[in-house]
C-alpha cells in the first residue's frame, strides 16, 4: 500500500513522462472546459473571431506555459532532493491553485471588458468555482497518466544468486559462489557476473547503468530499464549499498571514504573513476558498512 512518505517512483519524474503528462493534460483540459462552458453562468470561454476567444486562447497558453515550467522545474530538481508522494501531490496541488488564480484574474478582466457580468459575485466565489474545474481538468489527467506509466513500467528482475548452496558436478571457486543476474520480463537471463566484479550501479531516469569488469578486467557498462529502488530492495544484506539517489556501490571496491564540506565522497579502486557522493540520507548506513569491513 502506498504511503505519503514513500519515495516517488522514478518513472513519474522522467523527461518523456513529464512531457507526455503536460501534453495529455492540455488536450484533456481544453476538451473538458469547452464541454463544461454551457453549464457555467459566468464563463467567458468562446470560439470564433471575438475578444472573448482571444481571452480564451491567451488563458490556455499561459496555463500551458505555467504547467510546463512547473514540470520542467520538477525534472531539474529531482536529483537535489528526494521527492515523496506527499511532495508530488502538494506540488500538483500548487499548480492547480496557480491556474485558479490566473483564471480569477482573467474573469475580472473579462468583467471589466464587458464580456461577462459578475453582478456582485465575490472573487473568492469565482476562485472556488475555478478550483472545482481545475481540479478535474488537471487532476484527472495527472491520475490517468500516472496509472498508465505505472502499468508501462516493467522492471527487469535483478537477483543475487548464491551458488554456494547449489549442487554441481564442478568445483566452484569463491568468486563463482555469488552472481549478479539480470533477467528480462520474459524470464530470460540477460547478464550474469560475479558480485566481486561489480563496481557500482548508476541511475539514469528510468534506467540503470551497471558498471562491472569483464573476464579480461575491462570496465564495461550494461544498461537496462529498472528503478534503483528495485536494485536496493533486491540486494539487502549484500555488499551493494545505496549511498545516493543516483548510486549504489559495491563496498568491497570502496578504497577511500573522504569527508568533504558538502558531505562524504567515495573513491573506488577503479582507475580514473570520479568520486561518488554520499547524501545525508544514506550516510549513517555507508559509514557503518565501511567500518565493519
C-alpha atoms as a PDB file:
ATOM      1  CA  UNK A   1       0.000   0.000   0.000  1.00  0.00           C
ATOM      2  CA  UNK A   2       1.312   3.448  -0.975  1.00  0.00           C
ATOM      3  CA  UNK A   3       2.155   5.812   1.869  1.00  0.00           C
ATOM      4  CA  UNK A   4       2.556   9.579   1.731  1.00  0.00           C
ATOM      5  CA  UNK A   5       6.140   9.193   2.885  1.00  0.00           C
ATOM      6  CA  UNK A   6       7.054   6.620   0.231  1.00  0.00           C
ATOM      7  CA  UNK A   7       9.611   7.718  -2.326  1.00  0.00           C
ATOM      8  CA  UNK A   8       8.124   8.733  -5.632  1.00  0.00           C
ATOM      9  CA  UNK A   9       8.836   6.183  -8.414  1.00  0.00           C
ATOM     10  CA  UNK A  10      11.381   7.425 -10.902  1.00  0.00           C
ATOM     11  CA  UNK A  11       9.076   6.777 -13.853  1.00  0.00           C
ATOM     12  CA  UNK A  12       6.867   9.708 -12.758  1.00  0.00           C
ATOM     13  CA  UNK A  13       9.810  12.111 -12.980  1.00  0.00           C
ATOM     14  CA  UNK A  14      11.268  11.001 -16.312  1.00  0.00           C
ATOM     15  CA  UNK A  15      11.631  13.632 -19.019  1.00  0.00           C
ATOM     16  CA  UNK A  16       9.460  11.826 -21.556  1.00  0.00           C
ATOM     17  CA  UNK A  17       6.814  11.044 -18.942  1.00  0.00           C
ATOM     18  CA  UNK A  18       6.561  14.667 -17.799  1.00  0.00           C
ATOM     19  CA  UNK A  19       6.309  15.953 -21.387  1.00  0.00           C
ATOM     20  CA  UNK A  20       3.593  13.399 -22.164  1.00  0.00           C
ATOM     21  CA  UNK A  21       1.730  14.321 -18.979  1.00  0.00           C
ATOM     22  CA  UNK A  22       1.740  18.027 -19.865  1.00  0.00           C
ATOM     23  CA  UNK A  23       0.547  17.411 -23.437  1.00  0.00           C
ATOM     24  CA  UNK A  24      -2.175  14.975 -22.373  1.00  0.00           C
ATOM     25  CA  UNK A  25      -3.329  17.362 -19.615  1.00  0.00           C
ATOM     26  CA  UNK A  26      -3.508  20.282 -22.054  1.00  0.00           C
ATOM     27  CA  UNK A  27      -5.740  18.497 -24.565  1.00  0.00           C
ATOM     28  CA  UNK A  28      -7.880  16.952 -21.828  1.00  0.00           C
ATOM     29  CA  UNK A  29      -8.366  20.377 -20.216  1.00  0.00           C
ATOM     30  CA  UNK A  30      -9.317  22.058 -23.489  1.00  0.00           C
ATOM     31  CA  UNK A  31     -11.961  19.435 -24.237  1.00  0.00           C
ATOM     32  CA  UNK A  32     -13.287  19.406 -20.669  1.00  0.00           C
ATOM     33  CA  UNK A  33     -13.545  23.196 -20.356  1.00  0.00           C
ATOM     34  CA  UNK A  34     -15.247  23.623 -23.728  1.00  0.00           C
ATOM     35  CA  UNK A  35     -17.769  20.918 -22.859  1.00  0.00           C
ATOM     36  CA  UNK A  36     -18.444  22.458 -19.442  1.00  0.00           C
ATOM     37  CA  UNK A  37     -18.837  26.069 -20.669  1.00  0.00           C
ATOM     38  CA  UNK A  38     -22.646  25.842 -21.196  1.00  0.00           C
ATOM     39  CA  UNK A  39     -23.061  24.849 -17.548  1.00  0.00           C
ATOM     40  CA  UNK A  40     -21.138  27.837 -16.168  1.00  0.00           C
ATOM     41  CA  UNK A  41     -23.068  31.051 -15.580  1.00  0.00           C
ATOM     42  CA  UNK A  42     -20.081  33.376 -15.845  1.00  0.00           C
ATOM     43  CA  UNK A  43     -17.796  31.556 -18.303  1.00  0.00           C
ATOM     44  CA  UNK A  44     -16.063  33.779 -20.833  1.00  0.00           C
ATOM     45  CA  UNK A  45     -14.737  30.867 -22.960  1.00  0.00           C
ATOM     46  CA  UNK A  46     -15.902  31.254 -26.539  1.00  0.00           C
ATOM     47  CA  UNK A  47     -14.962  30.073 -30.011  1.00  0.00           C
ATOM     48  CA  UNK A  48     -14.864  32.225 -33.108  1.00  0.00           C
ATOM     49  CA  UNK A  49     -13.499  35.643 -34.004  1.00  0.00           C
ATOM     50  CA  UNK A  50     -14.220  37.607 -30.844  1.00  0.00           C
ATOM     51  CA  UNK A  51     -12.482  39.307 -27.954  1.00  0.00           C
ATOM     52  CA  UNK A  52     -13.668  36.513 -25.657  1.00  0.00           C
ATOM     53  CA  UNK A  53     -11.965  33.946 -27.875  1.00  0.00           C
ATOM     54  CA  UNK A  54      -8.703  35.902 -27.598  1.00  0.00           C
ATOM     55  CA  UNK A  55      -9.049  35.741 -23.799  1.00  0.00           C
ATOM     56  CA  UNK A  56      -9.679  32.011 -24.046  1.00  0.00           C
ATOM     57  CA  UNK A  57      -6.613  31.332 -26.183  1.00  0.00           C
ATOM     58  CA  UNK A  58      -4.377  33.527 -24.023  1.00  0.00           C
ATOM     59  CA  UNK A  59      -5.570  31.856 -20.815  1.00  0.00           C
ATOM     60  CA  UNK A  60      -4.891  28.349 -22.118  1.00  0.00           C
ATOM     61  CA  UNK A  61      -1.484  29.314 -23.489  1.00  0.00           C
ATOM     62  CA  UNK A  62      -0.436  30.901 -20.191  1.00  0.00           C
ATOM     63  CA  UNK A  63      -1.780  27.926 -18.224  1.00  0.00           C
ATOM     64  CA  UNK A  64       0.096  25.546 -20.508  1.00  0.00           C
ATOM     65  CA  UNK A  65       3.274  27.600 -20.048  1.00  0.00           C
ATOM     66  CA  UNK A  66       2.902  27.633 -16.252  1.00  0.00           C
ATOM     67  CA  UNK A  67       2.348  23.871 -16.026  1.00  0.00           C
ATOM     68  CA  UNK A  68       5.222  23.218 -18.462  1.00  0.00           C
ATOM     69  CA  UNK A  69       7.608  25.366 -16.430  1.00  0.00           C
ATOM     70  CA  UNK A  70       6.465  23.656 -13.236  1.00  0.00           C
ATOM     71  CA  UNK A  71       7.124  20.202 -14.665  1.00  0.00           C
ATOM     72  CA  UNK A  72      10.475  21.327 -16.019  1.00  0.00           C
ATOM     73  CA  UNK A  73      11.420  22.581 -12.561  1.00  0.00           C
ATOM     74  CA  UNK A  74      10.254  19.262 -11.106  1.00  0.00           C
ATOM     75  CA  UNK A  75      12.520  17.420 -13.548  1.00  0.00           C
ATOM     76  CA  UNK A  76      15.513  19.693 -12.889  1.00  0.00           C
ATOM     77  CA  UNK A  77      15.265  19.367  -9.113  1.00  0.00           C
ATOM     78  CA  UNK A  78      14.648  15.604  -8.989  1.00  0.00           C
ATOM     79  CA  UNK A  79      18.296  14.967  -8.104  1.00  0.00           C
ATOM     80  CA  UNK A  80      18.575  17.715  -5.489  1.00  0.00           C
ATOM     81  CA  UNK A  81      16.036  16.305  -3.082  1.00  0.00           C
ATOM     82  CA  UNK A  82      14.221  13.035  -2.696  1.00  0.00           C
ATOM     83  CA  UNK A  83      10.648  13.608  -3.775  1.00  0.00           C
ATOM     84  CA  UNK A  84       7.979  11.595  -1.998  1.00  0.00           C
ATOM     85  CA  UNK A  85       4.323  11.079  -2.822  1.00  0.00           C
ATOM     86  CA  UNK A  86       3.333  13.857  -0.399  1.00  0.00           C
ATOM     87  CA  UNK A  87       5.677  16.308  -2.167  1.00  0.00           C
ATOM     88  CA  UNK A  88       4.361  15.259  -5.567  1.00  0.00           C
ATOM     89  CA  UNK A  89       0.717  15.714  -4.535  1.00  0.00           C
ATOM     90  CA  UNK A  90       1.375  19.109  -2.938  1.00  0.00           C
ATOM     91  CA  UNK A  91       3.358  20.216  -5.998  1.00  0.00           C
ATOM     92  CA  UNK A  92       0.480  19.330  -8.322  1.00  0.00           C
ATOM     93  CA  UNK A  93      -1.987  20.988  -5.961  1.00  0.00           C
ATOM     94  CA  UNK A  94       0.101  24.163  -6.125  1.00  0.00           C
ATOM     95  CA  UNK A  95      -0.205  24.049  -9.923  1.00  0.00           C
ATOM     96  CA  UNK A  96      -3.987  23.832  -9.603  1.00  0.00           C
ATOM     97  CA  UNK A  97      -4.061  26.830  -7.242  1.00  0.00           C
ATOM     98  CA  UNK A  98      -1.878  28.948  -9.545  1.00  0.00           C
ATOM     99  CA  UNK A  99      -4.079  28.135 -12.548  1.00  0.00           C
ATOM    100  CA  UNK A 100      -7.176  29.034 -10.486  1.00  0.00           C
ATOM    101  CA  UNK A 101      -5.620  32.354  -9.536  1.00  0.00           C
ATOM    102  CA  UNK A 102      -4.882  33.008 -13.210  1.00  0.00           C
ATOM    103  CA  UNK A 103      -8.478  32.136 -14.129  1.00  0.00           C
ATOM    104  CA  UNK A 104      -9.763  34.541 -11.459  1.00  0.00           C
ATOM    105  CA  UNK A 105      -7.633  37.355 -12.897  1.00  0.00           C
ATOM    106  CA  UNK A 106      -8.919  36.682 -16.399  1.00  0.00           C
ATOM    107  CA  UNK A 107     -12.507  36.619 -15.120  1.00  0.00           C
ATOM    108  CA  UNK A 108     -12.058  40.053 -13.524  1.00  0.00           C
ATOM    109  CA  UNK A 109     -10.580  41.392 -16.778  1.00  0.00           C
ATOM    110  CA  UNK A 110     -13.444  39.857 -18.756  1.00  0.00           C
ATOM    111  CA  UNK A 111     -15.948  41.538 -16.442  1.00  0.00           C
ATOM    112  CA  UNK A 112     -14.272  44.919 -16.868  1.00  0.00           C
ATOM    113  CA  UNK A 113     -14.242  44.423 -20.643  1.00  0.00           C
ATOM    114  CA  UNK A 114     -17.988  43.756 -20.589  1.00  0.00           C
ATOM    115  CA  UNK A 115     -17.658  40.164 -21.788  1.00  0.00           C
ATOM    116  CA  UNK A 116     -19.478  38.814 -18.712  1.00  0.00           C
ATOM    117  CA  UNK A 117     -21.405  40.249 -15.802  1.00  0.00           C
ATOM    118  CA  UNK A 118     -20.272  39.121 -12.386  1.00  0.00           C
ATOM    119  CA  UNK A 119     -23.212  41.005 -10.852  1.00  0.00           C
ATOM    120  CA  UNK A 120     -21.610  41.425  -7.453  1.00  0.00           C
ATOM    121  CA  UNK A 121     -20.138  37.918  -7.350  1.00  0.00           C
ATOM    122  CA  UNK A 122     -17.319  37.733  -4.821  1.00  0.00           C
ATOM    123  CA  UNK A 123     -13.831  36.953  -6.073  1.00  0.00           C
ATOM    124  CA  UNK A 124     -13.467  34.050  -3.651  1.00  0.00           C
ATOM    125  CA  UNK A 125     -16.603  32.503  -5.204  1.00  0.00           C
ATOM    126  CA  UNK A 126     -15.017  32.801  -8.644  1.00  0.00           C
ATOM    127  CA  UNK A 127     -11.828  31.217  -7.300  1.00  0.00           C
ATOM    128  CA  UNK A 128     -13.670  28.322  -5.629  1.00  0.00           C
ATOM    129  CA  UNK A 129     -15.684  27.721  -8.786  1.00  0.00           C
ATOM    130  CA  UNK A 130     -12.445  27.649 -10.761  1.00  0.00           C
ATOM    131  CA  UNK A 131     -10.938  25.290  -8.185  1.00  0.00           C
ATOM    132  CA  UNK A 132     -13.575  22.670  -8.989  1.00  0.00           C
ATOM    133  CA  UNK A 133     -12.943  22.885 -12.730  1.00  0.00           C
ATOM    134  CA  UNK A 134      -9.156  22.991 -12.383  1.00  0.00           C
ATOM    135  CA  UNK A 135      -9.082  20.025 -10.006  1.00  0.00           C
ATOM    136  CA  UNK A 136     -10.962  17.956 -12.571  1.00  0.00           C
ATOM    137  CA  UNK A 137      -9.183  19.250 -15.695  1.00  0.00           C
ATOM    138  CA  UNK A 138      -5.707  18.823 -14.153  1.00  0.00           C
ATOM    139  CA  UNK A 139      -6.235  16.148 -11.524  1.00  0.00           C
ATOM    140  CA  UNK A 140      -7.882  13.517 -13.716  1.00  0.00           C
ATOM    141  CA  UNK A 141      -5.226  13.562 -16.482  1.00  0.00           C
ATOM    142  CA  UNK A 142      -2.463  13.507 -13.842  1.00  0.00           C
ATOM    143  CA  UNK A 143      -4.007  10.413 -12.262  1.00  0.00           C
ATOM    144  CA  UNK A 144      -4.617   8.708 -15.611  1.00  0.00           C
ATOM    145  CA  UNK A 145      -1.084   9.479 -16.799  1.00  0.00           C
ATOM    146  CA  UNK A 146       0.378   8.157 -13.549  1.00  0.00           C
ATOM    147  CA  UNK A 147      -1.629   4.922 -13.830  1.00  0.00           C
ATOM    148  CA  UNK A 148      -0.501   4.477 -17.431  1.00  0.00           C
ATOM    149  CA  UNK A 149       3.168   4.983 -16.599  1.00  0.00           C
ATOM    150  CA  UNK A 150       2.883   2.617 -13.628  1.00  0.00           C
ATOM    151  CA  UNK A 151       1.474  -0.128 -15.868  1.00  0.00           C
ATOM    152  CA  UNK A 152       4.041   0.631 -18.541  1.00  0.00           C
ATOM    153  CA  UNK A 153       6.967   0.493 -16.134  1.00  0.00           C
ATOM    154  CA  UNK A 154       8.158  -3.080 -16.327  1.00  0.00           C
ATOM    155  CA  UNK A 155      11.225  -3.576 -14.205  1.00  0.00           C
ATOM    156  CA  UNK A 156      13.647  -6.282 -15.133  1.00  0.00           C
ATOM    157  CA  UNK A 157      14.269  -8.769 -12.370  1.00  0.00           C
ATOM    158  CA  UNK A 158      17.590  -8.466 -10.566  1.00  0.00           C
ATOM    159  CA  UNK A 159      18.785 -11.223  -8.305  1.00  0.00           C
ATOM    160  CA  UNK A 160      21.749 -12.076  -6.149  1.00  0.00           C
ATOM    161  CA  UNK A 161      22.258 -15.816  -6.586  1.00  0.00           C
ATOM    162  CA  UNK A 162      24.364 -17.778  -4.133  1.00  0.00           C
ATOM    163  CA  UNK A 163      25.825 -20.791  -5.900  1.00  0.00           C
ATOM    164  CA  UNK A 164      27.444 -21.997  -2.701  1.00  0.00           C
ATOM    165  CA  UNK A 165      24.275 -23.978  -1.895  1.00  0.00           C
ATOM    166  CA  UNK A 166      23.880 -25.379  -5.410  1.00  0.00           C
ATOM    167  CA  UNK A 167      24.834 -28.995  -6.161  1.00  0.00           C
ATOM    168  CA  UNK A 168      27.172 -29.073  -9.155  1.00  0.00           C
ATOM    169  CA  UNK A 169      29.493 -31.506 -10.915  1.00  0.00           C
ATOM    170  CA  UNK A 170      32.160 -28.802 -10.982  1.00  0.00           C
ATOM    171  CA  UNK A 171      34.129 -27.323  -8.110  1.00  0.00           C
ATOM    172  CA  UNK A 172      33.060 -23.742  -7.577  1.00  0.00           C
ATOM    173  CA  UNK A 173      35.641 -21.106  -6.706  1.00  0.00           C
ATOM    174  CA  UNK A 174      34.787 -18.426  -4.127  1.00  0.00           C
ATOM    175  CA  UNK A 175      34.405 -15.915  -6.954  1.00  0.00           C
ATOM    176  CA  UNK A 176      31.717 -18.072  -8.530  1.00  0.00           C
ATOM    177  CA  UNK A 177      29.675 -18.514  -5.409  1.00  0.00           C
ATOM    178  CA  UNK A 178      27.748 -15.270  -5.746  1.00  0.00           C
ATOM    179  CA  UNK A 179      26.447 -13.945  -9.037  1.00  0.00           C
ATOM    180  CA  UNK A 180      24.576 -10.810 -10.020  1.00  0.00           C
ATOM    181  CA  UNK A 181      21.950 -11.948 -12.510  1.00  0.00           C
ATOM    182  CA  UNK A 182      19.703  -9.745 -14.624  1.00  0.00           C
ATOM    183  CA  UNK A 183      16.544 -11.127 -16.191  1.00  0.00           C
ATOM    184  CA  UNK A 184      14.138  -9.515 -18.627  1.00  0.00           C
ATOM    185  CA  UNK A 185      10.358  -9.553 -18.213  1.00  0.00           C
ATOM    186  CA  UNK A 186      10.020 -12.865 -20.026  1.00  0.00           C
ATOM    187  CA  UNK A 187      12.396 -14.506 -17.550  1.00  0.00           C
ATOM    188  CA  UNK A 188      15.327 -14.710 -19.981  1.00  0.00           C
ATOM    189  CA  UNK A 189      18.771 -14.287 -18.426  1.00  0.00           C
ATOM    190  CA  UNK A 190      20.498 -11.218 -19.886  1.00  0.00           C
ATOM    191  CA  UNK A 191      23.559 -10.708 -17.694  1.00  0.00           C
ATOM    192  CA  UNK A 192      25.394 -12.820 -15.129  1.00  0.00           C
ATOM    193  CA  UNK A 193      28.517 -11.530 -13.411  1.00  0.00           C
ATOM    194  CA  UNK A 194      30.372 -12.294 -10.211  1.00  0.00           C
ATOM    195  CA  UNK A 195      29.339  -9.896  -7.466  1.00  0.00           C
ATOM    196  CA  UNK A 196      33.031  -9.171  -6.854  1.00  0.00           C
ATOM    197  CA  UNK A 197      33.333  -7.820 -10.417  1.00  0.00           C
ATOM    198  CA  UNK A 198      30.565  -5.247  -9.998  1.00  0.00           C
ATOM    199  CA  UNK A 199      31.760  -1.764  -9.051  1.00  0.00           C
ATOM    200  CA  UNK A 200      28.650   0.385  -8.864  1.00  0.00           C
ATOM    201  CA  UNK A 201      25.179   0.933 -10.300  1.00  0.00           C
ATOM    202  CA  UNK A 202      24.087   4.333 -11.571  1.00  0.00           C
ATOM    203  CA  UNK A 203      20.544   5.586 -12.106  1.00  0.00           C
ATOM    204  CA  UNK A 204      19.639   7.366 -15.364  1.00  0.00           C
ATOM    205  CA  UNK A 205      15.953   8.363 -15.311  1.00  0.00           C
ATOM    206  CA  UNK A 206      14.013   5.100 -15.682  1.00  0.00           C
ATOM    207  CA  UNK A 207      17.138   3.091 -16.471  1.00  0.00           C
ATOM    208  CA  UNK A 208      20.170   1.922 -14.559  1.00  0.00           C
ATOM    209  CA  UNK A 209      23.767   1.504 -15.688  1.00  0.00           C
ATOM    210  CA  UNK A 210      25.616  -1.462 -14.219  1.00  0.00           C
ATOM    211  CA  UNK A 211      29.384  -0.863 -14.217  1.00  0.00           C
ATOM    212  CA  UNK A 212      31.412  -4.077 -13.975  1.00  0.00           C
ATOM    213  CA  UNK A 213      34.679  -5.711 -15.030  1.00  0.00           C
ATOM    214  CA  UNK A 214      34.571  -8.408 -17.704  1.00  0.00           C
ATOM    215  CA  UNK A 215      36.693 -11.567 -17.862  1.00  0.00           C
ATOM    216  CA  UNK A 216      39.636  -9.526 -19.193  1.00  0.00           C
ATOM    217  CA  UNK A 217      39.354  -6.943 -16.426  1.00  0.00           C
ATOM    218  CA  UNK A 218      37.981  -4.280 -18.783  1.00  0.00           C
ATOM    219  CA  UNK A 219      35.368  -1.902 -17.386  1.00  0.00           C
ATOM    220  CA  UNK A 220      32.011  -2.479 -19.054  1.00  0.00           C
ATOM    221  CA  UNK A 221      28.556  -0.962 -18.808  1.00  0.00           C
ATOM    222  CA  UNK A 222      25.216  -2.732 -19.037  1.00  0.00           C
ATOM    223  CA  UNK A 223      22.052  -0.642 -19.272  1.00  0.00           C
ATOM    224  CA  UNK A 224      18.536  -1.819 -18.569  1.00  0.00           C
ATOM    225  CA  UNK A 225      15.142  -0.417 -17.724  1.00  0.00           C
ATOM    226  CA  UNK A 226      14.841  -0.611 -13.980  1.00  0.00           C
ATOM    227  CA  UNK A 227      14.426   1.576 -10.913  1.00  0.00           C
ATOM    228  CA  UNK A 228      17.303   1.926  -8.473  1.00  0.00           C
ATOM    229  CA  UNK A 229      14.798   1.249  -5.702  1.00  0.00           C
ATOM    230  CA  UNK A 230      14.283  -2.252  -7.129  1.00  0.00           C
ATOM    231  CA  UNK A 231      18.035  -2.852  -7.025  1.00  0.00           C
ATOM    232  CA  UNK A 232      18.237  -1.602  -3.448  1.00  0.00           C
ATOM    233  CA  UNK A 233      15.470  -3.952  -2.323  1.00  0.00           C
ATOM    234  CA  UNK A 234      16.930  -6.893  -4.255  1.00  0.00           C
ATOM    235  CA  UNK A 235      20.366  -6.636  -2.624  1.00  0.00           C
ATOM    236  CA  UNK A 236      19.562  -6.059   1.026  1.00  0.00           C
ATOM    237  CA  UNK A 237      22.242  -7.508   3.322  1.00  0.00           C
ATOM    238  CA  UNK A 238      24.699  -7.782   0.430  1.00  0.00           C
ATOM    239  CA  UNK A 239      27.842  -5.777  -0.335  1.00  0.00           C
ATOM    240  CA  UNK A 240      25.822  -3.471  -2.585  1.00  0.00           C
ATOM    241  CA  UNK A 241      24.863  -0.381  -0.588  1.00  0.00           C
ATOM    242  CA  UNK A 242      22.808   2.667  -1.546  1.00  0.00           C
ATOM    243  CA  UNK A 243      24.805   5.864  -0.994  1.00  0.00           C
ATOM    244  CA  UNK A 244      22.953   8.422  -3.098  1.00  0.00           C
ATOM    245  CA  UNK A 245      19.738   8.943  -5.015  1.00  0.00           C
ATOM    246  CA  UNK A 246      21.657   8.002  -8.155  1.00  0.00           C
ATOM    247  CA  UNK A 247      24.195   5.453  -6.915  1.00  0.00           C
ATOM    248  CA  UNK A 248      24.606   2.028  -5.358  1.00  0.00           C
ATOM    249  CA  UNK A 249      28.211   0.974  -4.706  1.00  0.00           C
ATOM    250  CA  UNK A 250      29.899  -2.332  -4.016  1.00  0.00           C
ATOM    251  CA  UNK A 251      31.517  -1.843  -0.614  1.00  0.00           C
ATOM    252  CA  UNK A 252      34.257  -4.363  -1.424  1.00  0.00           C
ATOM    253  CA  UNK A 253      35.591  -1.885  -4.010  1.00  0.00           C
ATOM    254  CA  UNK A 254      35.469   1.189  -1.777  1.00  0.00           C
ATOM    255  CA  UNK A 255      39.073   2.336  -1.336  1.00  0.00           C
ATOM    256  CA  UNK A 256      38.661   5.652   0.467  1.00  0.00           C
ATOM    257  CA  UNK A 257      35.776   7.367   2.235  1.00  0.00           C
ATOM    258  CA  UNK A 258      36.541  11.083   2.438  1.00  0.00           C
ATOM    259  CA  UNK A 259      34.717  13.746   4.430  1.00  0.00           C
ATOM    260  CA  UNK A 260      34.202  16.945   2.441  1.00  0.00           C
ATOM    261  CA  UNK A 261      32.492  20.225   3.298  1.00  0.00           C
ATOM    262  CA  UNK A 262      29.380  19.132   1.429  1.00  0.00           C
ATOM    263  CA  UNK A 263      29.487  15.607   2.896  1.00  0.00           C
ATOM    264  CA  UNK A 264      31.267  12.296   2.335  1.00  0.00           C
ATOM    265  CA  UNK A 265      32.532  11.029  -1.009  1.00  0.00           C
ATOM    266  CA  UNK A 266      33.534   7.524  -2.043  1.00  0.00           C
ATOM    267  CA  UNK A 267      36.601   6.614  -4.078  1.00  0.00           C
ATOM    268  CA  UNK A 268      36.596   3.175  -5.673  1.00  0.00           C
ATOM    269  CA  UNK A 269      39.609   1.039  -6.513  1.00  0.00           C
ATOM    270  CA  UNK A 270      38.846   1.863 -10.119  1.00  0.00           C
ATOM    271  CA  UNK A 271      41.329   3.819 -12.189  1.00  0.00           C
ATOM    272  CA  UNK A 272      40.208   7.271 -13.415  1.00  0.00           C
ATOM    273  CA  UNK A 273      36.807   6.979 -11.730  1.00  0.00           C
ATOM    274  CA  UNK A 274      35.143  10.105 -10.324  1.00  0.00           C
ATOM    275  CA  UNK A 275      34.317  10.280  -6.604  1.00  0.00           C
ATOM    276  CA  UNK A 276      30.792   9.168  -5.790  1.00  0.00           C
ATOM    277  CA  UNK A 277      28.839  11.425  -3.390  1.00  0.00           C
ATOM    278  CA  UNK A 278      27.168  10.183  -0.225  1.00  0.00           C
ATOM    279  CA  UNK A 279      23.999  12.018   0.800  1.00  0.00           C
ATOM    280  CA  UNK A 280      22.843  12.550   4.374  1.00  0.00           C
ATOM    281  CA  UNK A 281      20.021  10.033   3.920  1.00  0.00           C
ATOM    282  CA  UNK A 282      22.439   7.143   3.424  1.00  0.00           C
ATOM    283  CA  UNK A 283      25.491   8.477   5.262  1.00  0.00           C
ATOM    284  CA  UNK A 284      24.987   6.544   8.512  1.00  0.00           C
ATOM    285  CA  UNK A 285      24.495   3.200   6.775  1.00  0.00           C
ATOM    286  CA  UNK A 286      27.506   3.722   4.487  1.00  0.00           C
ATOM    287  CA  UNK A 287      29.757   4.615   7.433  1.00  0.00           C
ATOM    288  CA  UNK A 288      28.590   1.584   9.388  1.00  0.00           C
ATOM    289  CA  UNK A 289      29.191  -0.770   6.473  1.00  0.00           C
ATOM    290  CA  UNK A 290      32.566   0.787   5.688  1.00  0.00           C
ATOM    291  CA  UNK A 291      33.792   0.497   9.293  1.00  0.00           C
ATOM    292  CA  UNK A 292      32.584  -3.097   9.641  1.00  0.00           C
ATOM    293  CA  UNK A 293      34.593  -4.429   6.739  1.00  0.00           C
END
